[in-house]
Amino acid sequence: VQLQASGGGLVQAGGSLRLSCAASGRTFSSYAMGWFRQSPGKEREFVSALRWTGGSSYYADFVKGRFTISRDNAKNTVYLQMNSLKPEDTAVYFCAAKEPDSRGFDYWGQGTQVTVSS
């Protein structure tokens, strides 16, 4: 299983970015996909997740109303649209995949840096 995250960059506060996570290596139809982030000196934290084949999406409180997770089944890609970015959103963002019966996320991408300037 390979997860390739991209789309990070430098943006001013209030701006937007869209992260992409391209998945390959197997069929992800029953997997949950998620985004996490890690800032320097902090632990990795959950940002958002959804099931590959529909159902509910989930967001951390600090991104609700600003970030939107979505997927393109045909492209095996999950997106994270980030609007109204704040300096505190600066972090390395990781995508991850969770097998149906797993208690945690099993596969991780390499991360993409998001930097929000004030």
PDB file of N, CA and C in Angstrom:
ATOM      1  N   VAL A   1       0.845  -1.187   0.000  1.00  0.00           N
ATOM      2  CA  VAL A   1       0.000   0.000   0.000  1.00  0.00           C
ATOM      3  C   VAL A   1       0.881   1.238   0.000  1.00  0.00           C
ATOM      4  N   GLN A   2       0.584   2.140  -0.908  1.00  0.00           N
ATOM      5  CA  GLN A   2       1.334   3.396  -0.970  1.00  0.00           C
ATOM      6  C   GLN A   2       0.359   4.569  -0.913  1.00  0.00           C
ATOM      7  N   LEU A   3       0.717   5.541  -0.109  1.00  0.00           N
ATOM      8  CA  LEU A   3      -0.051   6.768  -0.003  1.00  0.00           C
ATOM      9  C   LEU A   3       0.877   7.927  -0.314  1.00  0.00           C
ATOM     10  N   GLN A   4       0.496   8.734  -1.267  1.00  0.00           N
ATOM     11  CA  GLN A   4       1.328   9.854  -1.699  1.00  0.00           C
ATOM     12  C   GLN A   4       0.575  11.148  -1.460  1.00  0.00           C
ATOM     13  N   ALA A   5       1.027  11.912  -0.481  1.00  0.00           N
ATOM     14  CA  ALA A   5       0.402  13.194  -0.161  1.00  0.00           C
ATOM     15  C   ALA A   5       1.103  14.312  -0.910  1.00  0.00           C
ATOM     16  N   SER A   6       0.325  15.291  -1.322  1.00  0.00           N
ATOM     17  CA  SER A   6       0.871  16.443  -2.026  1.00  0.00           C
ATOM     18  C   SER A   6      -0.046  17.636  -1.828  1.00  0.00           C
ATOM     19  N   GLY A   7       0.420  18.800  -2.281  1.00  0.00           N
ATOM     20  CA  GLY A   7      -0.412  19.993  -2.239  1.00  0.00           C
ATOM     21  C   GLY A   7      -0.061  20.992  -1.163  1.00  0.00           C
ATOM     22  N   GLY A   8       0.884  20.659  -0.324  1.00  0.00           N
ATOM     23  CA  GLY A   8       1.282  21.600   0.708  1.00  0.00           C
ATOM     24  C   GLY A   8       2.020  22.797   0.114  1.00  0.00           C
ATOM     25  N   GLY A   9       2.267  23.770   0.962  1.00  0.00           N
ATOM     26  CA  GLY A   9       2.975  24.959   0.512  1.00  0.00           C
ATOM     27  C   GLY A   9       2.883  26.071   1.520  1.00  0.00           C
ATOM     28  N   LEU A  10       3.269  27.254   1.076  1.00  0.00           N
ATOM     29  CA  LEU A  10       3.250  28.452   1.907  1.00  0.00           C
ATOM     30  C   LEU A  10       2.068  29.331   1.499  1.00  0.00           C
ATOM     31  N   VAL A  11       1.266  29.724   2.465  1.00  0.00           N
ATOM     32  CA  VAL A  11       0.095  30.540   2.177  1.00  0.00           C
ATOM     33  C   VAL A  11      -0.075  31.554   3.295  1.00  0.00           C
ATOM     34  N   GLN A  12      -0.664  32.678   2.979  1.00  0.00           N
ATOM     35  CA  GLN A  12      -0.926  33.687   3.993  1.00  0.00           C
ATOM     36  C   GLN A  12      -2.170  33.314   4.798  1.00  0.00           C
ATOM     37  N   ALA A  13      -2.234  33.810   6.000  1.00  0.00           N
ATOM     38  CA  ALA A  13      -3.409  33.576   6.835  1.00  0.00           C
ATOM     39  C   ALA A  13      -4.669  34.028   6.097  1.00  0.00           C
ATOM     40  N   GLY A  14      -5.701  33.207   6.192  1.00  0.00           N
ATOM     41  CA  GLY A  14      -6.935  33.472   5.476  1.00  0.00           C
ATOM     42  C   GLY A  14      -7.000  32.816   4.113  1.00  0.00           C
ATOM     43  N   GLY A  15      -5.883  32.289   3.654  1.00  0.00           N
ATOM     44  CA  GLY A  15      -5.828  31.660   2.359  1.00  0.00           C
ATOM     45  C   GLY A  15      -6.284  30.215   2.377  1.00  0.00           C
ATOM     46  N   SER A  16      -6.133  29.557   1.235  1.00  0.00           N
ATOM     47  CA  SER A  16      -6.614  28.185   1.068  1.00  0.00           C
ATOM     48  C   SER A  16      -5.550  27.315   0.414  1.00  0.00           C
ATOM     49  N   LEU A  17      -5.623  26.046   0.711  1.00  0.00           N
ATOM     50  CA  LEU A  17      -4.827  25.028   0.057  1.00  0.00           C
ATOM     51  C   LEU A  17      -5.679  23.779  -0.073  1.00  0.00           C
ATOM     52  N   ARG A  18      -5.368  22.962  -1.064  1.00  0.00           N
ATOM     53  CA  ARG A  18      -6.018  21.660  -1.178  1.00  0.00           C
ATOM     54  C   ARG A  18      -4.945  20.579  -1.200  1.00  0.00           C
ATOM     55  N   LEU A  19      -5.007  19.717  -0.223  1.00  0.00           N
ATOM     56  CA  LEU A  19      -4.090  18.585  -0.154  1.00  0.00           C
ATOM     57  C   LEU A  19      -4.710  17.391  -0.873  1.00  0.00           C
ATOM     58  N   SER A  20      -3.851  16.601  -1.479  1.00  0.00           N
ATOM     59  CA  SER A  20      -4.283  15.380  -2.152  1.00  0.00           C
ATOM     60  C   SER A  20      -3.531  14.190  -1.584  1.00  0.00           C
ATOM     61  N   CYS A  21      -4.194  13.057  -1.570  1.00  0.00           N
ATOM     62  CA  CYS A  21      -3.567  11.811  -1.137  1.00  0.00           C
ATOM     63  C   CYS A  21      -3.942  10.739  -2.142  1.00  0.00           C
ATOM     64  N   ALA A  22      -2.986  10.337  -2.956  1.00  0.00           N
ATOM     65  CA  ALA A  22      -3.207   9.297  -3.951  1.00  0.00           C
ATOM     66  C   ALA A  22      -2.859   7.949  -3.358  1.00  0.00           C
ATOM     67  N   ALA A  23      -3.806   7.021  -3.408  1.00  0.00           N
ATOM     68  CA  ALA A  23      -3.627   5.698  -2.824  1.00  0.00           C
ATOM     69  C   ALA A  23      -3.447   4.662  -3.917  1.00  0.00           C
ATOM     70  N   SER A  24      -2.562   3.713  -3.677  1.00  0.00           N
ATOM     71  CA  SER A  24      -2.331   2.652  -4.648  1.00  0.00           C
ATOM     72  C   SER A  24      -1.905   1.390  -3.928  1.00  0.00           C
ATOM     73  N   GLY A  25      -1.986   0.291  -4.612  1.00  0.00           N
ATOM     74  CA  GLY A  25      -1.510  -0.963  -4.057  1.00  0.00           C
ATOM     75  C   GLY A  25      -2.595  -1.964  -3.753  1.00  0.00           C
ATOM     76  N   ARG A  26      -3.804  -1.498  -3.565  1.00  0.00           N
ATOM     77  CA  ARG A  26      -4.917  -2.408  -3.347  1.00  0.00           C
ATOM     78  C   ARG A  26      -6.221  -1.644  -3.516  1.00  0.00           C
ATOM     79  N   THR A  27      -7.318  -2.359  -3.368  1.00  0.00           N
ATOM     80  CA  THR A  27      -8.631  -1.734  -3.466  1.00  0.00           C
ATOM     81  C   THR A  27      -8.994  -1.130  -2.115  1.00  0.00           C
ATOM     82  N   PHE A  28      -9.352   0.129  -2.124  1.00  0.00           N
ATOM     83  CA  PHE A  28      -9.614   0.830  -0.877  1.00  0.00           C
ATOM     84  C   PHE A  28     -11.108   1.002  -0.610  1.00  0.00           C
ATOM     85  N   SER A  29     -11.920   0.191  -1.241  1.00  0.00           N
ATOM     86  CA  SER A  29     -13.362   0.423  -1.180  1.00  0.00           C
ATOM     87  C   SER A  29     -13.922   0.338   0.228  1.00  0.00           C
ATOM     88  N   SER A  30     -13.304  -0.423   1.107  1.00  0.00           N
ATOM     89  CA  SER A  30     -13.852  -0.554   2.451  1.00  0.00           C
ATOM     90  C   SER A  30     -12.981   0.130   3.507  1.00  0.00           C
ATOM     91  N   TYR A  31     -12.012   0.896   3.089  1.00  0.00           N
ATOM     92  CA  TYR A  31     -11.107   1.542   4.019  1.00  0.00           C
ATOM     93  C   TYR A  31     -11.645   2.888   4.470  1.00  0.00           C
ATOM     94  N   ALA A  32     -11.214   3.295   5.628  1.00  0.00           N
ATOM     95  CA  ALA A  32     -11.369   4.675   6.054  1.00  0.00           C
ATOM     96  C   ALA A  32     -10.064   5.410   5.722  1.00  0.00           C
ATOM     97  N   MET A  33     -10.200   6.666   5.313  1.00  0.00           N
ATOM     98  CA  MET A  33      -9.034   7.480   4.983  1.00  0.00           C
ATOM     99  C   MET A  33      -9.025   8.696   5.897  1.00  0.00           C
ATOM    100  N   GLY A  34      -7.854   9.075   6.305  1.00  0.00           N
ATOM    101  CA  GLY A  34      -7.788  10.185   7.235  1.00  0.00           C
ATOM    102  C   GLY A  34      -6.619  11.115   6.963  1.00  0.00           C
ATOM    103  N   TRP A  35      -6.719  12.278   7.566  1.00  0.00           N
ATOM    104  CA  TRP A  35      -5.641  13.259   7.562  1.00  0.00           C
ATOM    105  C   TRP A  35      -5.256  13.563   9.006  1.00  0.00           C
ATOM    106  N   PHE A  36      -3.965  13.638   9.222  1.00  0.00           N
ATOM    107  CA  PHE A  36      -3.405  13.993  10.518  1.00  0.00           C
ATOM    108  C   PHE A  36      -2.372  15.087  10.283  1.00  0.00           C
ATOM    109  N   ARG A  37      -1.968  15.723  11.365  1.00  0.00           N
ATOM    110  CA  ARG A  37      -0.915  16.726  11.222  1.00  0.00           C
ATOM    111  C   ARG A  37      -0.018  16.724  12.447  1.00  0.00           C
ATOM    112  N   GLN A  38       1.183  17.210  12.244  1.00  0.00           N
ATOM    113  CA  GLN A  38       2.144  17.288  13.349  1.00  0.00           C
ATOM    114  C   GLN A  38       2.944  18.559  13.222  1.00  0.00           C
ATOM    115  N   SER A  39       2.919  19.331  14.296  1.00  0.00           N
ATOM    116  CA  SER A  39       3.704  20.563  14.371  1.00  0.00           C
ATOM    117  C   SER A  39       4.969  20.289  15.170  1.00  0.00           C
ATOM    118  N   PRO A  40       6.005  21.094  14.990  1.00  0.00           N
ATOM    119  CA  PRO A  40       7.245  20.892  15.744  1.00  0.00           C
ATOM    120  C   PRO A  40       6.994  20.907  17.247  1.00  0.00           C
ATOM    121  N   GLY A  41       7.506  19.884  17.919  1.00  0.00           N
ATOM    122  CA  GLY A  41       7.358  19.807  19.360  1.00  0.00           C
ATOM    123  C   GLY A  41       6.023  19.295  19.837  1.00  0.00           C
ATOM    124  N   LYS A  42       5.137  18.945  18.916  1.00  0.00           N
ATOM    125  CA  LYS A  42       3.816  18.448  19.288  1.00  0.00           C
ATOM    126  C   LYS A  42       3.607  17.038  18.763  1.00  0.00           C
ATOM    127  N   GLU A  43       2.672  16.345  19.380  1.00  0.00           N
ATOM    128  CA  GLU A  43       2.328  15.024  18.904  1.00  0.00           C
ATOM    129  C   GLU A  43       1.440  15.122  17.655  1.00  0.00           C
ATOM    130  N   ARG A  44       1.453  14.046  16.902  1.00  0.00           N
ATOM    131  CA  ARG A  44       0.583  13.984  15.741  1.00  0.00           C
ATOM    132  C   ARG A  44      -0.871  14.022  16.200  1.00  0.00           C
ATOM    133  N   GLU A  45      -1.700  14.793  15.490  1.00  0.00           N
ATOM    134  CA  GLU A  45      -3.091  14.909  15.889  1.00  0.00           C
ATOM    135  C   GLU A  45      -4.015  14.657  14.714  1.00  0.00           C
ATOM    136  N   PHE A  46      -5.190  14.169  15.026  1.00  0.00           N
ATOM    137  CA  PHE A  46      -6.212  13.876  14.032  1.00  0.00           C
ATOM    138  C   PHE A  46      -6.780  15.170  13.481  1.00  0.00           C
ATOM    139  N   VAL A  47      -7.014  15.182  12.175  1.00  0.00           N
ATOM    140  CA  VAL A  47      -7.629  16.342  11.523  1.00  0.00           C
ATOM    141  C   VAL A  47      -9.001  15.973  10.961  1.00  0.00           C
ATOM    142  N   SER A  48      -9.054  14.919  10.134  1.00  0.00           N
ATOM    143  CA  SER A  48     -10.307  14.578   9.479  1.00  0.00           C
ATOM    144  C   SER A  48     -10.235  13.153   8.940  1.00  0.00           C
ATOM    145  N   ALA A  49     -11.421  12.540   8.722  1.00  0.00           N
ATOM    146  CA  ALA A  49     -11.457  11.189   8.170  1.00  0.00           C
ATOM    147  C   ALA A  49     -12.795  10.940   7.501  1.00  0.00           C
ATOM    148  N   LEU A  50     -12.807   9.988   6.587  1.00  0.00           N
ATOM    149  CA  LEU A  50     -14.063   9.517   6.008  1.00  0.00           C
ATOM    150  C   LEU A  50     -13.873   8.091   5.500  1.00  0.00           C
ATOM    151  N   ARG A  51     -15.003   7.435   5.282  1.00  0.00           N
ATOM    152  CA  ARG A  51     -14.963   6.103   4.701  1.00  0.00           C
ATOM    153  C   ARG A  51     -14.843   6.233   3.192  1.00  0.00           C
ATOM    154  N   TRP A  52     -14.145   5.309   2.594  1.00  0.00           N
ATOM    155  CA  TRP A  52     -13.907   5.401   1.159  1.00  0.00           C
ATOM    156  C   TRP A  52     -15.201   5.346   0.373  1.00  0.00           C
ATOM    157  N   THR A  53     -16.156   4.530   0.820  1.00  0.00           N
ATOM    158  CA  THR A  53     -17.378   4.325   0.045  1.00  0.00           C
ATOM    159  C   THR A  53     -18.565   5.055   0.636  1.00  0.00           C
ATOM    160  N   GLY A  54     -18.325   6.173   1.205  1.00  0.00           N
ATOM    161  CA  GLY A  54     -19.433   6.992   1.686  1.00  0.00           C
ATOM    162  C   GLY A  54     -19.598   6.896   3.177  1.00  0.00           C
ATOM    163  N   GLY A  55     -20.667   7.435   3.658  1.00  0.00           N
ATOM    164  CA  GLY A  55     -20.871   7.486   5.088  1.00  0.00           C
ATOM    165  C   GLY A  55     -20.412   8.810   5.651  1.00  0.00           C
ATOM    166  N   SER A  56     -20.262   8.849   6.917  1.00  0.00           N
ATOM    167  CA  SER A  56     -19.971  10.098   7.594  1.00  0.00           C
ATOM    168  C   SER A  56     -18.521  10.516   7.431  1.00  0.00           C
ATOM    169  N   SER A  57     -18.320  11.809   7.509  1.00  0.00           N
ATOM    170  CA  SER A  57     -16.984  12.356   7.601  1.00  0.00           C
ATOM    171  C   SER A  57     -16.812  12.937   9.004  1.00  0.00           C
ATOM    172  N   TYR A  58     -15.585  13.014   9.430  1.00  0.00           N
ATOM    173  CA  TYR A  58     -15.284  13.423  10.803  1.00  0.00           C
ATOM    174  C   TYR A  58     -14.215  14.505  10.792  1.00  0.00           C
ATOM    175  N   TYR A  59     -14.351  15.434  11.715  1.00  0.00           N
ATOM    176  CA  TYR A  59     -13.416  16.556  11.781  1.00  0.00           C
ATOM    177  C   TYR A  59     -13.030  16.846  13.224  1.00  0.00           C
ATOM    178  N   ALA A  60     -11.790  17.235  13.399  1.00  0.00           N
ATOM    179  CA  ALA A  60     -11.389  17.774  14.693  1.00  0.00           C
ATOM    180  C   ALA A  60     -12.075  19.126  14.887  1.00  0.00           C
ATOM    181  N   ASP A  61     -12.351  19.454  16.115  1.00  0.00           N
ATOM    182  CA  ASP A  61     -13.073  20.700  16.398  1.00  0.00           C
ATOM    183  C   ASP A  61     -12.355  21.919  15.824  1.00  0.00           C
ATOM    184  N   PHE A  62     -11.050  21.908  15.834  1.00  0.00           N
ATOM    185  CA  PHE A  62     -10.308  23.099  15.422  1.00  0.00           C
ATOM    186  C   PHE A  62     -10.324  23.328  13.919  1.00  0.00           C
ATOM    187  N   VAL A  63     -10.889  22.396  13.126  1.00  0.00           N
ATOM    188  CA  VAL A  63     -10.985  22.601  11.678  1.00  0.00           C
ATOM    189  C   VAL A  63     -12.424  22.611  11.173  1.00  0.00           C
ATOM    190  N   LYS A  64     -13.365  22.332  12.035  1.00  0.00           N
ATOM    191  CA  LYS A  64     -14.764  22.310  11.611  1.00  0.00           C
ATOM    192  C   LYS A  64     -15.173  23.650  11.022  1.00  0.00           C
ATOM    193  N   GLY A  65     -15.829  23.564   9.868  1.00  0.00           N
ATOM    194  CA  GLY A  65     -16.271  24.771   9.186  1.00  0.00           C
ATOM    195  C   GLY A  65     -15.219  25.387   8.288  1.00  0.00           C
ATOM    196  N   ARG A  66     -13.988  24.909   8.391  1.00  0.00           N
ATOM    197  CA  ARG A  66     -12.904  25.468   7.557  1.00  0.00           C
ATOM    198  C   ARG A  66     -12.335  24.425   6.592  1.00  0.00           C
ATOM    199  N   PHE A  67     -12.236  23.187   7.027  1.00  0.00           N
ATOM    200  CA  PHE A  67     -11.659  22.123   6.207  1.00  0.00           C
ATOM    201  C   PHE A  67     -12.769  21.180   5.731  1.00  0.00           C
ATOM    202  N   THR A  68     -12.575  20.631   4.533  1.00  0.00           N
ATOM    203  CA  THR A  68     -13.521  19.656   3.990  1.00  0.00           C
ATOM    204  C   THR A  68     -12.754  18.494   3.397  1.00  0.00           C
ATOM    205  N   ILE A  69     -13.122  17.286   3.807  1.00  0.00           N
ATOM    206  CA  ILE A  69     -12.507  16.079   3.265  1.00  0.00           C
ATOM    207  C   ILE A  69     -13.427  15.513   2.198  1.00  0.00           C
ATOM    208  N   SER A  70     -12.832  15.016   1.131  1.00  0.00           N
ATOM    209  CA  SER A  70     -13.614  14.433   0.052  1.00  0.00           C
ATOM    210  C   SER A  70     -12.786  13.378  -0.654  1.00  0.00           C
ATOM    211  N   ARG A  71     -13.389  12.675  -1.584  1.00  0.00           N
ATOM    212  CA  ARG A  71     -12.673  11.608  -2.281  1.00  0.00           C
ATOM    213  C   ARG A  71     -13.099  11.562  -3.736  1.00  0.00           C
ATOM    214  N   ASP A  72     -12.233  11.005  -4.544  1.00  0.00           N
ATOM    215  CA  ASP A  72     -12.519  10.715  -5.942  1.00  0.00           C
ATOM    216  C   ASP A  72     -12.229   9.237  -6.132  1.00  0.00           C
ATOM    217  N   ASN A  73     -13.276   8.437  -6.162  1.00  0.00           N
ATOM    218  CA  ASN A  73     -13.091   6.991  -6.245  1.00  0.00           C
ATOM    219  C   ASN A  73     -12.370   6.574  -7.507  1.00  0.00           C
ATOM    220  N   ALA A  74     -12.664   7.233  -8.598  1.00  0.00           N
ATOM    221  CA  ALA A  74     -12.055   6.859  -9.868  1.00  0.00           C
ATOM    222  C   ALA A  74     -10.543   7.080  -9.849  1.00  0.00           C
ATOM    223  N   LYS A  75     -10.114   8.058  -9.071  1.00  0.00           N
ATOM    224  CA  LYS A  75      -8.682   8.371  -9.012  1.00  0.00           C
ATOM    225  C   LYS A  75      -8.010   7.810  -7.770  1.00  0.00           C
ATOM    226  N   ASN A  76      -8.772   7.109  -6.932  1.00  0.00           N
ATOM    227  CA  ASN A  76      -8.211   6.595  -5.677  1.00  0.00           C
ATOM    228  C   ASN A  76      -7.514   7.697  -4.896  1.00  0.00           C
ATOM    229  N   THR A  77      -8.145   8.827  -4.836  1.00  0.00           N
ATOM    230  CA  THR A  77      -7.541  10.003  -4.221  1.00  0.00           C
ATOM    231  C   THR A  77      -8.484  10.621  -3.202  1.00  0.00           C
ATOM    232  N   VAL A  78      -7.914  11.019  -2.093  1.00  0.00           N
ATOM    233  CA  VAL A  78      -8.641  11.734  -1.050  1.00  0.00           C
ATOM    234  C   VAL A  78      -8.081  13.149  -0.966  1.00  0.00           C
ATOM    235  N   TYR A  79      -8.968  14.097  -0.751  1.00  0.00           N
ATOM    236  CA  TYR A  79      -8.569  15.502  -0.712  1.00  0.00           C
ATOM    237  C   TYR A  79      -8.886  16.112   0.657  1.00  0.00           C
ATOM    238  N   LEU A  80      -8.146  17.126   0.982  1.00  0.00           N
ATOM    239  CA  LEU A  80      -8.465  17.943   2.145  1.00  0.00           C
ATOM    240  C   LEU A  80      -8.431  19.402   1.694  1.00  0.00           C
ATOM    241  N   GLN A  81      -9.595  19.981   1.535  1.00  0.00           N
ATOM    242  CA  GLN A  81      -9.694  21.391   1.186  1.00  0.00           C
ATOM    243  C   GLN A  81      -9.606  22.200   2.467  1.00  0.00           C
ATOM    244  N   MET A  82      -8.635  23.083   2.531  1.00  0.00           N
ATOM    245  CA  MET A  82      -8.385  23.864   3.736  1.00  0.00           C
ATOM    246  C   MET A  82      -8.605  25.335   3.419  1.00  0.00           C
ATOM    247  N   ASN A  83      -9.597  25.918   4.033  1.00  0.00           N
ATOM    248  CA  ASN A  83      -9.920  27.333   3.845  1.00  0.00           C
ATOM    249  C   ASN A  83      -9.707  28.091   5.150  1.00  0.00           C
ATOM    250  N   SER A  84      -9.652  29.381   5.036  1.00  0.00           N
ATOM    251  CA  SER A  84      -9.484  30.252   6.211  1.00  0.00           C
ATOM    252  C   SER A  84      -8.325  29.777   7.078  1.00  0.00           C
ATOM    253  N   LEU A  85      -7.226  29.522   6.450  1.00  0.00           N
ATOM    254  CA  LEU A  85      -6.078  28.975   7.169  1.00  0.00           C
ATOM    255  C   LEU A  85      -5.535  29.965   8.192  1.00  0.00           C
ATOM    256  N   LYS A  86      -5.043  29.407   9.280  1.00  0.00           N
ATOM    257  CA  LYS A  86      -4.490  30.191  10.375  1.00  0.00           C
ATOM    258  C   LYS A  86      -3.032  29.794  10.592  1.00  0.00           C
ATOM    259  N   PRO A  87      -2.238  30.668  11.173  1.00  0.00           N
ATOM    260  CA  PRO A  87      -0.842  30.297  11.447  1.00  0.00           C
ATOM    261  C   PRO A  87      -0.727  29.017  12.267  1.00  0.00           C
ATOM    262  N   GLU A  88      -1.667  28.778  13.147  1.00  0.00           N
ATOM    263  CA  GLU A  88      -1.612  27.561  13.965  1.00  0.00           C
ATOM    264  C   GLU A  88      -1.928  26.303  13.179  1.00  0.00           C
ATOM    265  N   ASP A  89      -2.330  26.433  11.926  1.00  0.00           N
ATOM    266  CA  ASP A  89      -2.507  25.257  11.072  1.00  0.00           C
ATOM    267  C   ASP A  89      -1.183  24.798  10.460  1.00  0.00           C
ATOM    268  N   THR A  90      -0.135  25.564  10.682  1.00  0.00           N
ATOM    269  CA  THR A  90       1.181  25.189  10.171  1.00  0.00           C
ATOM    270  C   THR A  90       1.608  23.854  10.755  1.00  0.00           C
ATOM    271  N   ALA A  91       1.921  22.903   9.869  1.00  0.00           N
ATOM    272  CA  ALA A  91       2.273  21.550  10.298  1.00  0.00           C
ATOM    273  C   ALA A  91       2.629  20.720   9.075  1.00  0.00           C
ATOM    274  N   VAL A  92       3.163  19.555   9.333  1.00  0.00           N
ATOM    275  CA  VAL A  92       3.275  18.538   8.288  1.00  0.00           C
ATOM    276  C   VAL A  92       1.987  17.728   8.329  1.00  0.00           C
ATOM    277  N   TYR A  93       1.336  17.623   7.194  1.00  0.00           N
ATOM    278  CA  TYR A  93       0.070  16.914   7.095  1.00  0.00           C
ATOM    279  C   TYR A  93       0.305  15.538   6.471  1.00  0.00           C
ATOM    280  N   PHE A  94      -0.257  14.536   7.117  1.00  0.00           N
ATOM    281  CA  PHE A  94      -0.101  13.152   6.691  1.00  0.00           C
ATOM    282  C   PHE A  94      -1.463  12.568   6.332  1.00  0.00           C
ATOM    283  N   CYS A  95      -1.504  11.793   5.263  1.00  0.00           N
ATOM    284  CA  CYS A  95      -2.706  11.007   5.016  1.00  0.00           C
ATOM    285  C   CYS A  95      -2.467   9.579   5.486  1.00  0.00           C
ATOM    286  N   ALA A  96      -3.555   8.897   5.799  1.00  0.00           N
ATOM    287  CA  ALA A  96      -3.470   7.559   6.350  1.00  0.00           C
ATOM    288  C   ALA A  96      -4.677   6.733   5.925  1.00  0.00           C
ATOM    289  N   ALA A  97      -4.507   5.422   5.916  1.00  0.00           N
ATOM    290  CA  ALA A  97      -5.579   4.498   5.549  1.00  0.00           C
ATOM    291  C   ALA A  97      -5.776   3.490   6.666  1.00  0.00           C
ATOM    292  N   LYS A  98      -7.031   3.177   6.925  1.00  0.00           N
ATOM    293  CA  LYS A  98      -7.381   2.259   8.007  1.00  0.00           C
ATOM    294  C   LYS A  98      -8.155   1.085   7.435  1.00  0.00           C
ATOM    295  N   GLU A  99      -7.682  -0.124   7.710  1.00  0.00           N
ATOM    296  CA  GLU A  99      -8.401  -1.312   7.288  1.00  0.00           C
ATOM    297  C   GLU A  99      -9.699  -1.442   8.089  1.00  0.00           C
ATOM    298  N   PRO A 100     -10.700  -2.109   7.521  1.00  0.00           N
ATOM    299  CA  PRO A 100     -12.023  -2.133   8.154  1.00  0.00           C
ATOM    300  C   PRO A 100     -12.036  -2.596   9.609  1.00  0.00           C
ATOM    301  N   ASP A 101     -11.251  -3.598   9.937  1.00  0.00           N
ATOM    302  CA  ASP A 101     -11.312  -4.163  11.280  1.00  0.00           C
ATOM    303  C   ASP A 101     -10.176  -3.688  12.183  1.00  0.00           C
ATOM    304  N   SER A 102      -9.434  -2.746  11.721  1.00  0.00           N
ATOM    305  CA  SER A 102      -8.313  -2.260  12.508  1.00  0.00           C
ATOM    306  C   SER A 102      -8.765  -1.197  13.504  1.00  0.00           C
ATOM    307  N   ARG A 103      -8.089  -1.122  14.612  1.00  0.00           N
ATOM    308  CA  ARG A 103      -8.425  -0.129  15.629  1.00  0.00           C
ATOM    309  C   ARG A 103      -7.768   1.206  15.347  1.00  0.00           C
ATOM    310  N   GLY A 104      -6.736   1.189  14.533  1.00  0.00           N
ATOM    311  CA  GLY A 104      -6.036   2.422  14.207  1.00  0.00           C
ATOM    312  C   GLY A 104      -5.738   2.486  12.732  1.00  0.00           C
ATOM    313  N   PHE A 105      -5.068   3.544  12.314  1.00  0.00           N
ATOM    314  CA  PHE A 105      -4.694   3.682  10.918  1.00  0.00           C
ATOM    315  C   PHE A 105      -3.440   2.850  10.644  1.00  0.00           C
ATOM    316  N   ASP A 106      -3.479   2.104   9.545  1.00  0.00           N
ATOM    317  CA  ASP A 106      -2.466   1.104   9.281  1.00  0.00           C
ATOM    318  C   ASP A 106      -1.381   1.574   8.317  1.00  0.00           C
ATOM    319  N   TYR A 107      -1.713   2.478   7.426  1.00  0.00           N
ATOM    320  CA  TYR A 107      -0.782   2.897   6.388  1.00  0.00           C
ATOM    321  C   TYR A 107      -0.703   4.421   6.388  1.00  0.00           C
ATOM    322  N   TRP A 108       0.516   4.913   6.176  1.00  0.00           N
ATOM    323  CA  TRP A 108       0.766   6.351   6.269  1.00  0.00           C
ATOM    324  C   TRP A 108       1.543   6.844   5.061  1.00  0.00           C
ATOM    325  N   GLY A 109       1.185   8.036   4.604  1.00  0.00           N
ATOM    326  CA  GLY A 109       1.954   8.690   3.569  1.00  0.00           C
ATOM    327  C   GLY A 109       3.128   9.434   4.169  1.00  0.00           C
ATOM    328  N   GLN A 110       3.891  10.082   3.329  1.00  0.00           N
ATOM    329  CA  GLN A 110       5.149  10.690   3.763  1.00  0.00           C
ATOM    330  C   GLN A 110       4.985  12.083   4.339  1.00  0.00           C
ATOM    331  N   GLY A 111       3.830  12.691   4.200  1.00  0.00           N
ATOM    332  CA  GLY A 111       3.614  14.023   4.741  1.00  0.00           C
ATOM    333  C   GLY A 111       3.900  15.128   3.740  1.00  0.00           C
ATOM    334  N   THR A 112       3.159  16.212   3.896  1.00  0.00           N
ATOM    335  CA  THR A 112       3.375  17.393   3.073  1.00  0.00           C
ATOM    336  C   THR A 112       3.309  18.619   3.980  1.00  0.00           C
ATOM    337  N   GLN A 113       4.252  19.527   3.803  1.00  0.00           N
ATOM    338  CA  GLN A 113       4.383  20.677   4.699  1.00  0.00           C
ATOM    339  C   GLN A 113       3.386  21.776   4.322  1.00  0.00           C
ATOM    340  N   VAL A 114       2.671  22.239   5.302  1.00  0.00           N
ATOM    341  CA  VAL A 114       1.793  23.398   5.153  1.00  0.00           C
ATOM    342  C   VAL A 114       2.299  24.491   6.086  1.00  0.00           C
ATOM    343  N   THR A 115       2.574  25.656   5.540  1.00  0.00           N
ATOM    344  CA  THR A 115       3.040  26.784   6.331  1.00  0.00           C
ATOM    345  C   THR A 115       2.126  27.969   6.089  1.00  0.00           C
ATOM    346  N   VAL A 116       1.568  28.488   7.164  1.00  0.00           N
ATOM    347  CA  VAL A 116       0.649  29.617   7.080  1.00  0.00           C
ATOM    348  C   VAL A 116       1.309  30.813   7.747  1.00  0.00           C
ATOM    349  N   SER A 117       1.539  31.842   6.981  1.00  0.00           N
ATOM    350  CA  SER A 117       2.190  33.039   7.513  1.00  0.00           C
ATOM    351  C   SER A 117       1.149  34.033   8.004  1.00  0.00           C
ATOM    352  N   SER A 118       1.526  34.779   9.017  1.00  0.00           N
ATOM    353  CA  SER A 118       0.592  35.765   9.590  1.00  0.00           C
ATOM    354  C   SER A 118       0.694  37.115   8.905  1.00  0.00           C
TER     355      SER A 118
END
